[in-house]
Amino acid sequence: MSEEKVTAMPENKMGTMSLGKLLLQMSLPMMISMFVQSLYNIIDSIFVARISEDALTAVSLAFPIQNLLIAVGVGTGVGINSLLSRRLGERRQDAVDKTALNGVFIALCSAVVFVLIGIFVPHVYFESQTTNTGIIDYGVTYMRICLIVSVGIFGSITFERLLQSTGKMFLSMISQLTGTVFNLVFDPLLIFGLCGFPKLGIAGAAIATVLGQIAAMIVSAILNLTHNKEINFSFKGFRPDGTVIKDIYAVGVPSVLLGSVGSVMVYFLNLILGSFSTTAIAVFGVYFKLQSFIFMPVFGLNNGAVPIIAYNFGAKKKHRIIRAVKLSSLAACCIMIGGTLLFELFPGFFLGLFNASDEMLSIGIPALRIIALHFPIAAFCIVFGCVFQAVGEGLQSMLVSFIRQLIVLLPVAWLLSLSGKLNFVWWAFPIAELSSLAATVLFLAQTYKKYIKDLPD
């Protein structure tokens, strides 16, 4: 590495600004945008629930594939974010540009794969979970549209991650809010046929979703080209770089697998819950929408912390890494405790938003109260996991997720279901989160010793 490449870039604010102020500046826009996005997820399902409980159940059953789509996009984005932030910390302009361009290329390739999945998979997927033809028809219609027009979500996630990697969280927030507002406006118009728009039902919900994603992609691309001066966007003579792609996926693939584990967990847990009733599946789907109201802001905090930790790891500033982790942990824990209190005190109110029947209320109220007990524990797991991503050890995050969702949660849920009492199944969540915390602390100690302990103070 030449001296010119090392000193070509000025010191970024992530290496100099007061950490409390920096974390607030980096995370708050992401927390707000993801909070608004979680509101969209909730409102979207509220609209779908007005069609019928079968429509709500169909969207719940579609969640694992939608989650897989998001996992690939976000996981790859984590790899791009981590690598690009490290290259910024090292002040290597050529490496920064290569990372960005190869990240965009990967996003386009991922979209093509999901177009094929959208064409060939939906019918087989829904028929593997239910024989209810109404649910199958709703689900196939919804999923097919979301997958075939998936270029919007891959493009928006990638361009937003590039903005985040260079510290432009406010611009990333503008992009995400654009897509969310677009969705919120067109959801009722297309579902119910308001203001002269066609009444498309569940297809309208899917169309509003992909239109919002495309809008976010366009806005985030424009913001990168006009405001992200730390990256030179020139595709002239571009060729995919195998080494850069490998480095992106070194963190990205474990993160993709980490997110994908959730899809596997939800798919099989839906099968377990389906042995009780389709209403139990609908309750689980509603829980996932509601918990995003709590978890999304914490993930926004996580997204703000990753580039800070990655930059200071690249710049070899140990004290800033440790303080960033402490501040992030405190903030995440406060948010999660608040979430637990909401679920414990007002479960009936939240379920009522989804047009819940008496059966849905009788199942859902104890379910929300039991599951919410694990929220504060999850706060530490999420924040500690961002350390693994920042130093390029995404494999550890993946292993923690495997332990929690596959090795512990699913077997425990199945064993508890043998009791014939549905309420017992929900206890699998707190039990699994405790195992996740134990594994996370162990891996964090190893990561600290290997990467951080010997850095200069």
Protein backbone atom coordinates (compact mmCIF):
# COMPACT_ATOMS: atom_id res chain seq x y z
CA MET A 1 0.00 0.00 0.00
CA SER A 2 1.54 3.32 -1.01
CA GLU A 3 1.81 6.28 1.35
CA GLU A 4 -0.25 8.35 -1.11
CA LYS A 5 -3.23 5.98 -0.85
CA VAL A 6 -3.08 5.94 2.93
CA THR A 7 -3.14 9.74 3.32
CA ALA A 8 -5.35 10.66 0.35
CA MET A 9 -8.53 10.92 2.43
CA PRO A 10 -9.15 13.32 5.34
CA GLU A 11 -10.17 12.11 8.82
CA ASN A 12 -13.90 11.33 8.93
CA LYS A 13 -16.13 12.59 11.78
CA MET A 14 -16.49 8.96 12.95
CA GLY A 15 -12.90 9.14 14.23
CA THR A 16 -13.05 12.57 15.86
CA MET A 17 -16.55 13.61 17.02
CA SER A 18 -17.72 13.11 20.61
CA LEU A 19 -19.14 9.58 20.70
CA GLY A 20 -22.39 10.44 22.44
CA LYS A 21 -23.12 13.14 19.89
CA LEU A 22 -21.87 10.97 17.02
CA LEU A 23 -23.99 7.97 17.98
CA LEU A 24 -27.04 10.21 18.27
CA GLN A 25 -26.28 11.84 14.92
CA MET A 26 -25.63 8.53 13.18
CA SER A 27 -28.40 6.50 14.79
CA LEU A 28 -31.31 8.89 15.37
CA PRO A 29 -32.18 9.35 11.68
CA MET A 30 -32.02 5.58 11.19
CA MET A 31 -34.09 4.95 14.31
CA ILE A 32 -36.74 7.43 13.18
CA SER A 33 -36.89 6.05 9.63
CA MET A 34 -37.04 2.44 10.82
CA PHE A 35 -39.65 3.38 13.43
CA VAL A 36 -41.77 4.89 10.66
CA GLN A 37 -41.08 1.80 8.53
CA SER A 38 -42.34 -0.40 11.37
CA LEU A 39 -45.47 1.73 11.54
CA TYR A 40 -45.93 1.05 7.83
CA ASN A 41 -45.61 -2.71 8.41
CA ILE A 42 -48.27 -2.50 11.10
CA ILE A 43 -50.63 -0.28 9.11
CA ASP A 44 -50.17 -2.45 6.01
CA SER A 45 -51.35 -5.50 7.96
CA ILE A 46 -54.19 -3.52 9.52
CA PHE A 47 -55.45 -2.77 5.99
CA VAL A 48 -55.02 -6.40 4.93
CA ALA A 49 -56.89 -7.58 8.05
CA ARG A 50 -59.88 -5.55 6.84
CA ILE A 51 -60.06 -7.80 3.78
CA SER A 52 -60.39 -10.97 5.87
CA GLU A 53 -58.59 -13.09 8.47
CA ASP A 54 -57.59 -15.44 5.61
CA ALA A 55 -55.82 -12.53 3.91
CA LEU A 56 -54.00 -11.70 7.16
CA THR A 57 -53.02 -15.35 7.57
CA ALA A 58 -51.75 -15.46 3.97
CA VAL A 59 -49.49 -12.47 4.58
CA SER A 60 -48.27 -14.16 7.79
CA LEU A 61 -47.44 -17.32 5.85
CA ALA A 62 -45.67 -15.24 3.19
CA PHE A 63 -43.42 -13.70 5.82
CA PRO A 64 -40.60 -16.29 5.66
CA ILE A 65 -40.04 -15.67 1.93
CA GLN A 66 -40.33 -11.90 2.34
CA ASN A 67 -37.91 -12.14 5.24
CA LEU A 68 -35.51 -14.14 3.06
CA LEU A 69 -35.68 -11.39 0.44
CA ILE A 70 -34.89 -8.75 3.05
CA ALA A 71 -32.20 -10.93 4.64
CA VAL A 72 -30.30 -11.19 1.37
CA GLY A 73 -30.56 -7.44 0.75
CA VAL A 74 -29.75 -6.31 4.29
CA GLY A 75 -27.10 -8.99 4.85
CA THR A 76 -25.25 -8.03 1.69
CA GLY A 77 -25.66 -4.39 2.72
CA VAL A 78 -24.04 -5.17 6.07
CA GLY A 79 -21.06 -6.60 4.21
CA ILE A 80 -20.83 -3.51 2.01
CA ASN A 81 -21.24 -1.23 5.02
CA SER A 82 -18.57 -2.97 7.08
CA LEU A 83 -15.99 -3.18 4.28
CA LEU A 84 -16.55 0.35 3.00
CA SER A 85 -16.33 1.86 6.50
CA ARG A 86 -13.09 0.02 7.14
CA ARG A 87 -11.65 1.28 3.84
CA LEU A 88 -12.70 4.80 4.81
CA GLY A 89 -10.89 4.35 8.14
CA GLU A 90 -7.79 3.23 6.22
CA ARG A 91 -8.21 6.26 3.85
CA ARG A 92 -8.01 4.17 0.66
CA GLN A 93 -10.08 5.95 -1.99
CA ASP A 94 -9.57 3.32 -4.69
CA ALA A 95 -10.77 0.56 -2.35
CA VAL A 96 -13.79 2.65 -1.26
CA ASP A 97 -14.91 3.12 -4.88
CA LYS A 98 -14.45 -0.55 -5.77
CA THR A 99 -16.48 -1.63 -2.75
CA ALA A 100 -19.39 0.65 -3.69
CA LEU A 101 -19.54 -0.35 -7.36
CA ASN A 102 -19.27 -4.07 -6.67
CA GLY A 103 -21.99 -3.71 -4.03
CA VAL A 104 -24.39 -2.27 -6.63
CA PHE A 105 -23.52 -5.11 -9.01
CA ILE A 106 -24.27 -7.74 -6.34
CA ALA A 107 -27.66 -6.12 -5.61
CA LEU A 108 -28.73 -6.39 -9.25
CA CYS A 109 -27.69 -10.06 -9.41
CA SER A 110 -29.69 -10.80 -6.24
CA ALA A 111 -32.82 -9.21 -7.75
CA VAL A 112 -32.60 -11.48 -10.79
CA VAL A 113 -32.51 -14.57 -8.55
CA PHE A 114 -35.68 -13.51 -6.72
CA VAL A 115 -37.52 -12.81 -9.97
CA LEU A 116 -37.06 -16.50 -10.81
CA ILE A 117 -38.21 -17.51 -7.31
CA GLY A 118 -41.30 -15.34 -7.76
CA ILE A 119 -42.19 -17.08 -11.01
CA PHE A 120 -41.74 -20.70 -9.94
CA VAL A 121 -42.05 -21.02 -6.13
CA PRO A 122 -45.23 -19.37 -4.65
CA HIS A 123 -47.82 -22.10 -5.36
CA VAL A 124 -45.64 -24.92 -4.07
CA TYR A 125 -44.67 -22.87 -1.03
CA PHE A 126 -48.22 -22.11 0.15
CA GLU A 127 -49.54 -25.60 -0.61
CA SER A 128 -46.84 -26.98 1.71
CA GLN A 129 -48.39 -25.08 4.64
CA THR A 130 -52.18 -25.14 4.18
CA THR A 131 -55.01 -26.69 2.21
CA ASN A 132 -57.20 -23.58 2.57
CA THR A 133 -57.63 -22.44 -1.06
CA GLY A 134 -58.58 -18.91 -0.01
CA ILE A 135 -55.33 -18.48 1.92
CA ILE A 136 -53.34 -20.02 -0.96
CA ASP A 137 -54.86 -17.68 -3.56
CA TYR A 138 -54.27 -14.59 -1.43
CA GLY A 139 -50.71 -15.65 -0.64
CA VAL A 140 -49.65 -16.50 -4.19
CA THR A 141 -50.96 -13.18 -5.50
CA TYR A 142 -49.20 -11.18 -2.81
CA MET A 143 -45.88 -13.02 -2.89
CA ARG A 144 -45.54 -13.15 -6.68
CA ILE A 145 -45.77 -9.37 -7.04
CA CYS A 146 -43.33 -8.70 -4.18
CA LEU A 147 -40.69 -11.06 -5.59
CA ILE A 148 -40.92 -10.33 -9.31
CA VAL A 149 -40.54 -6.58 -8.68
CA SER A 150 -37.82 -6.99 -6.03
CA VAL A 151 -35.27 -4.75 -7.78
CA GLY A 152 -36.62 -1.82 -5.75
CA ILE A 153 -35.83 -3.28 -2.36
CA PHE A 154 -32.35 -4.48 -3.36
CA GLY A 155 -31.50 -1.14 -4.96
CA SER A 156 -32.83 0.94 -2.07
CA ILE A 157 -31.07 -1.13 0.61
CA THR A 158 -27.73 -0.96 -1.23
CA PHE A 159 -27.78 2.77 -1.95
CA GLU A 160 -28.95 3.51 1.59
CA ARG A 161 -26.09 1.45 3.01
CA LEU A 162 -23.61 3.47 0.94
CA LEU A 163 -24.98 6.65 2.48
CA GLN A 164 -24.78 5.12 5.97
CA SER A 165 -21.21 3.91 5.44
CA THR A 166 -20.01 7.46 4.85
CA GLY A 167 -21.96 8.84 7.81
CA LYS A 168 -24.83 10.43 5.86
CA MET A 169 -27.58 9.01 8.01
CA PHE A 170 -29.96 11.92 7.47
CA LEU A 171 -29.91 11.38 3.71
CA SER A 172 -30.50 7.66 4.24
CA MET A 173 -33.47 8.55 6.43
CA ILE A 174 -34.92 10.73 3.66
CA SER A 175 -34.76 7.78 1.27
CA GLN A 176 -36.41 5.36 3.69
CA LEU A 177 -39.12 7.83 4.65
CA THR A 178 -39.87 8.45 0.98
CA GLY A 179 -40.54 4.76 0.40
CA THR A 180 -42.54 4.39 3.60
CA VAL A 181 -44.77 7.41 2.94
CA PHE A 182 -45.29 6.21 -0.63
CA ASN A 183 -46.47 2.84 0.72
CA LEU A 184 -48.75 4.37 3.31
CA VAL A 185 -50.46 6.59 0.74
CA PHE A 186 -51.00 3.93 -1.91
CA ASP A 187 -51.98 1.06 0.41
CA PRO A 188 -55.57 2.17 1.06
CA LEU A 189 -55.94 3.63 -2.43
CA LEU A 190 -55.07 0.35 -4.16
CA ILE A 191 -56.51 -2.11 -1.62
CA PHE A 192 -59.93 -0.46 -1.31
CA GLY A 193 -60.14 1.42 -4.63
CA LEU A 194 -60.31 4.94 -3.19
CA CYS A 195 -60.05 8.25 -5.12
CA GLY A 196 -60.66 6.64 -8.49
CA PHE A 197 -57.99 3.94 -8.13
CA PRO A 198 -58.93 0.31 -8.94
CA LYS A 199 -59.95 -1.92 -6.01
CA LEU A 200 -57.21 -4.57 -6.09
CA GLY A 201 -57.46 -6.11 -2.61
CA ILE A 202 -54.35 -7.97 -1.49
CA ALA A 203 -52.70 -7.36 -4.90
CA GLY A 204 -53.00 -3.64 -4.14
CA ALA A 205 -51.07 -4.12 -0.89
CA ALA A 206 -48.25 -5.85 -2.80
CA ILE A 207 -48.19 -3.22 -5.57
CA ALA A 208 -48.06 -0.38 -3.02
CA THR A 209 -45.13 -2.14 -1.35
CA VAL A 210 -43.02 -2.51 -4.49
CA LEU A 211 -43.85 1.02 -5.69
CA GLY A 212 -42.59 2.38 -2.37
CA GLN A 213 -39.40 0.35 -2.69
CA ILE A 214 -38.77 1.65 -6.20
CA ALA A 215 -39.35 5.22 -5.03
CA ALA A 216 -36.83 4.73 -2.20
CA MET A 217 -34.30 3.26 -4.66
CA ILE A 218 -34.57 6.23 -7.01
CA VAL A 219 -34.25 8.78 -4.21
CA SER A 220 -31.30 7.03 -2.54
CA ALA A 221 -29.47 6.68 -5.88
CA ILE A 222 -29.92 10.39 -6.61
CA LEU A 223 -28.74 11.33 -3.11
CA ASN A 224 -25.60 9.22 -3.55
CA LEU A 225 -24.77 10.77 -6.92
CA THR A 226 -25.36 14.34 -5.75
CA HIS A 227 -24.21 14.33 -2.11
CA ASN A 228 -21.96 11.33 -1.40
CA LYS A 229 -18.66 12.89 -2.45
CA GLU A 230 -16.60 10.33 -0.56
CA ILE A 231 -17.46 7.76 -3.24
CA ASN A 232 -16.67 8.19 -6.94
CA PHE A 233 -19.55 6.60 -8.87
CA SER A 234 -18.19 5.79 -12.30
CA PHE A 235 -19.13 2.51 -13.99
CA LYS A 236 -16.99 3.26 -17.05
CA GLY A 237 -14.85 0.18 -17.65
CA PHE A 238 -16.30 -1.50 -14.56
CA ARG A 239 -15.64 -5.20 -14.08
CA PRO A 240 -16.69 -7.25 -11.07
CA ASP A 241 -13.77 -7.68 -8.67
CA GLY A 242 -13.70 -11.15 -7.16
CA THR A 243 -11.56 -10.11 -4.21
CA VAL A 244 -13.85 -7.22 -3.24
CA ILE A 245 -16.98 -9.38 -3.64
CA LYS A 246 -15.36 -12.06 -1.49
CA ASP A 247 -14.56 -9.48 1.22
CA ILE A 248 -18.14 -8.16 1.12
CA TYR A 249 -19.57 -11.66 1.46
CA ALA A 250 -17.12 -12.57 4.24
CA VAL A 251 -19.37 -10.46 6.46
CA GLY A 252 -22.43 -10.43 4.22
CA VAL A 253 -23.02 -14.18 3.83
CA PRO A 254 -23.11 -14.89 7.58
CA SER A 255 -25.45 -11.90 7.94
CA VAL A 256 -27.64 -13.24 5.10
CA LEU A 257 -27.72 -16.64 6.73
CA LEU A 258 -28.45 -14.98 10.07
CA GLY A 259 -31.51 -13.30 8.59
CA SER A 260 -32.49 -16.40 6.65
CA VAL A 261 -32.51 -18.47 9.82
CA GLY A 262 -35.52 -16.38 10.82
CA SER A 263 -37.32 -17.53 7.68
CA VAL A 264 -36.69 -21.17 8.52
CA MET A 265 -37.80 -20.61 12.11
CA VAL A 266 -41.04 -18.86 11.13
CA TYR A 267 -41.88 -21.46 8.47
CA PHE A 268 -41.61 -24.40 10.86
CA LEU A 269 -43.16 -22.51 13.77
CA ASN A 270 -46.14 -21.75 11.51
CA LEU A 271 -46.46 -25.50 10.95
CA ILE A 272 -46.40 -26.08 14.72
CA LEU A 273 -48.97 -23.34 15.33
CA GLY A 274 -51.09 -24.57 12.43
CA SER A 275 -51.60 -27.83 14.30
CA PHE A 276 -53.63 -25.74 16.78
CA SER A 277 -55.45 -23.36 14.38
CA THR A 278 -54.94 -20.91 11.50
CA THR A 279 -55.84 -18.15 13.97
CA ALA A 280 -52.69 -19.02 15.94
CA ILE A 281 -50.70 -18.41 12.74
CA ALA A 282 -52.43 -15.05 12.30
CA VAL A 283 -51.56 -14.12 15.90
CA PHE A 284 -47.92 -15.00 15.31
CA GLY A 285 -47.94 -12.87 12.16
CA VAL A 286 -49.45 -9.95 14.07
CA TYR A 287 -46.80 -10.36 16.77
CA PHE A 288 -44.05 -10.05 14.15
CA LYS A 289 -45.58 -6.84 12.86
CA LEU A 290 -45.98 -5.41 16.36
CA GLN A 291 -42.53 -6.39 17.59
CA SER A 292 -40.99 -4.50 14.66
CA PHE A 293 -42.38 -1.38 16.38
CA ILE A 294 -39.87 -2.10 19.17
CA PHE A 295 -37.04 -3.86 17.35
CA MET A 296 -36.76 -1.58 14.30
CA PRO A 297 -35.50 1.42 16.31
CA VAL A 298 -32.93 -0.86 17.98
CA PHE A 299 -31.82 -2.11 14.57
CA GLY A 300 -31.59 1.54 13.52
CA LEU A 301 -29.33 2.12 16.50
CA ASN A 302 -27.32 -0.92 15.43
CA ASN A 303 -26.99 0.43 11.87
CA GLY A 304 -25.63 3.67 13.28
CA ALA A 305 -23.17 1.89 15.56
CA VAL A 306 -21.69 -0.52 12.98
CA PRO A 307 -19.92 2.12 10.81
CA ILE A 308 -18.68 3.93 13.95
CA ILE A 309 -17.14 0.76 15.36
CA ALA A 310 -15.84 -0.37 11.95
CA TYR A 311 -14.24 3.01 11.23
CA ASN A 312 -12.51 3.19 14.60
CA PHE A 313 -11.41 -0.43 14.27
CA GLY A 314 -9.80 0.45 10.93
CA ALA A 315 -8.28 3.56 12.55
CA LYS A 316 -7.13 1.47 15.58
CA LYS A 317 -8.92 3.56 18.25
CA LYS A 318 -9.75 1.12 21.03
CA HIS A 319 -11.30 3.55 23.52
CA ARG A 320 -13.81 4.80 20.95
CA ILE A 321 -14.87 1.24 20.07
CA ILE A 322 -15.55 0.34 23.73
CA ARG A 323 -17.43 3.54 24.50
CA ALA A 324 -19.58 3.18 21.38
CA VAL A 325 -20.60 -0.33 22.48
CA LYS A 326 -21.45 0.83 26.02
CA LEU A 327 -23.58 3.75 24.84
CA SER A 328 -25.38 1.60 22.27
CA SER A 329 -26.14 -1.09 24.85
CA LEU A 330 -27.63 1.41 27.28
CA ALA A 331 -29.86 2.99 24.63
CA ALA A 332 -31.02 -0.38 23.26
CA CYS A 333 -31.89 -1.70 26.71
CA CYS A 334 -34.01 1.37 27.50
CA ILE A 335 -35.97 0.96 24.26
CA MET A 336 -36.58 -2.73 24.86
CA ILE A 337 -37.75 -2.25 28.45
CA GLY A 338 -40.26 0.28 27.16
CA GLY A 339 -41.42 -2.26 24.56
CA THR A 340 -41.91 -4.95 27.17
CA LEU A 341 -44.07 -2.63 29.27
CA LEU A 342 -46.27 -1.79 26.25
CA PHE A 343 -46.84 -5.46 25.42
CA GLU A 344 -47.56 -6.35 29.06
CA LEU A 345 -50.01 -3.50 29.66
CA PHE A 346 -51.87 -3.10 26.36
CA PRO A 347 -51.94 -6.41 24.40
CA GLY A 348 -55.70 -6.27 23.80
CA PHE A 349 -55.48 -2.77 22.34
CA PHE A 350 -52.73 -3.75 19.88
CA LEU A 351 -54.57 -6.87 18.73
CA GLY A 352 -57.76 -4.87 18.32
CA LEU A 353 -56.01 -2.78 15.66
CA PHE A 354 -56.02 -5.89 13.46
CA ASN A 355 -59.77 -6.46 13.67
CA ALA A 356 -59.12 -9.35 16.07
CA SER A 357 -61.91 -11.85 16.68
CA ASP A 358 -62.67 -13.17 20.16
CA GLU A 359 -60.62 -16.28 19.37
CA MET A 360 -57.69 -14.16 18.18
CA LEU A 361 -57.83 -12.09 21.39
CA SER A 362 -57.95 -15.18 23.62
CA ILE A 363 -54.84 -16.56 21.89
CA GLY A 364 -53.01 -13.30 21.32
CA ILE A 365 -53.15 -11.55 24.71
CA PRO A 366 -51.19 -14.21 26.64
CA ALA A 367 -48.92 -14.74 23.61
CA LEU A 368 -47.80 -11.09 23.50
CA ARG A 369 -47.26 -10.95 27.27
CA ILE A 370 -45.13 -14.09 27.35
CA ILE A 371 -43.01 -13.36 24.27
CA ALA A 372 -42.28 -9.75 25.32
CA LEU A 373 -40.32 -10.96 28.35
CA HIS A 374 -37.30 -11.58 26.11
CA PHE A 375 -37.05 -8.04 24.68
CA PRO A 376 -34.48 -6.61 27.19
CA ILE A 377 -32.27 -9.67 26.76
CA ALA A 378 -32.41 -9.25 22.98
CA ALA A 379 -31.13 -5.66 23.33
CA PHE A 380 -27.69 -6.82 24.43
CA CYS A 381 -27.55 -9.57 21.80
CA ILE A 382 -28.28 -7.10 19.00
CA VAL A 383 -25.73 -4.50 20.10
CA PHE A 384 -22.97 -7.00 20.85
CA GLY A 385 -23.65 -8.56 17.44
CA CYS A 386 -22.76 -5.27 15.72
CA VAL A 387 -19.21 -5.67 17.05
CA PHE A 388 -18.87 -8.94 15.14
CA GLN A 389 -20.07 -7.25 11.94
CA ALA A 390 -17.80 -4.25 12.36
CA VAL A 391 -14.57 -6.27 12.69
CA GLY A 392 -15.47 -8.65 9.86
CA GLU A 393 -16.52 -11.64 12.00
CA GLY A 394 -20.09 -11.99 10.81
CA LEU A 395 -19.87 -15.77 11.28
CA GLN A 396 -20.29 -15.34 15.01
CA SER A 397 -23.57 -13.46 14.59
CA MET A 398 -24.75 -16.29 12.38
CA LEU A 399 -23.84 -18.93 14.96
CA VAL A 400 -25.69 -17.06 17.71
CA SER A 401 -28.79 -16.89 15.51
CA PHE A 402 -28.54 -20.60 14.70
CA ILE A 403 -28.33 -21.42 18.39
CA ARG A 404 -31.31 -19.26 19.31
CA GLN A 405 -33.74 -19.96 16.48
CA LEU A 406 -32.91 -23.45 15.21
CA ILE A 407 -31.04 -25.31 17.92
CA VAL A 408 -33.13 -24.00 20.84
CA LEU A 409 -36.36 -22.21 19.83
CA LEU A 410 -37.82 -24.68 17.32
CA PRO A 411 -37.12 -27.88 19.30
CA VAL A 412 -38.36 -26.27 22.52
CA ALA A 413 -41.52 -24.97 20.79
CA TRP A 414 -42.20 -28.43 19.35
CA LEU A 415 -41.68 -30.14 22.70
CA LEU A 416 -43.95 -27.64 24.43
CA SER A 417 -46.60 -28.11 21.73
CA LEU A 418 -46.81 -31.79 22.67
CA SER A 419 -48.52 -30.67 25.87
CA GLY A 420 -51.51 -29.71 23.75
CA LYS A 421 -51.50 -26.23 25.33
CA LEU A 422 -50.81 -23.38 22.90
CA ASN A 423 -49.74 -20.94 25.63
CA PHE A 424 -46.79 -23.18 26.50
CA VAL A 425 -45.38 -22.76 22.96
CA TRP A 426 -44.80 -19.02 23.42
CA TRP A 427 -42.35 -19.67 26.28
CA ALA A 428 -39.88 -20.97 23.70
CA PHE A 429 -39.00 -17.32 22.89
CA PRO A 430 -37.66 -16.25 26.33
CA ILE A 431 -35.90 -19.60 26.73
CA ALA A 432 -34.18 -19.25 23.34
CA GLU A 433 -33.12 -15.64 24.01
CA LEU A 434 -31.34 -16.66 27.21
CA SER A 435 -29.30 -19.20 25.24
CA SER A 436 -28.55 -16.47 22.68
CA LEU A 437 -27.22 -14.16 25.37
CA ALA A 438 -24.90 -16.83 26.75
CA ALA A 439 -23.44 -17.55 23.30
CA THR A 440 -23.13 -13.84 22.46
CA VAL A 441 -21.16 -13.06 25.63
CA LEU A 442 -18.82 -15.97 24.94
CA PHE A 443 -18.15 -14.90 21.35
CA LEU A 444 -17.78 -11.26 22.36
CA ALA A 445 -15.04 -12.18 24.82
CA GLN A 446 -13.21 -14.08 22.06
CA THR A 447 -13.61 -11.19 19.60
CA TYR A 448 -12.34 -8.66 22.11
CA LYS A 449 -9.26 -10.73 22.85
CA LYS A 450 -8.49 -11.34 19.16
CA TYR A 451 -9.19 -7.93 17.60
CA ILE A 452 -9.60 -5.17 20.20
CA LYS A 453 -7.59 -5.90 23.35
CA ASP A 454 -4.19 -5.06 21.84
CA LEU A 455 -5.26 -1.92 19.95
CA PRO A 456 -3.78 1.38 21.15
CA ASP A 457 -5.82 3.16 23.91
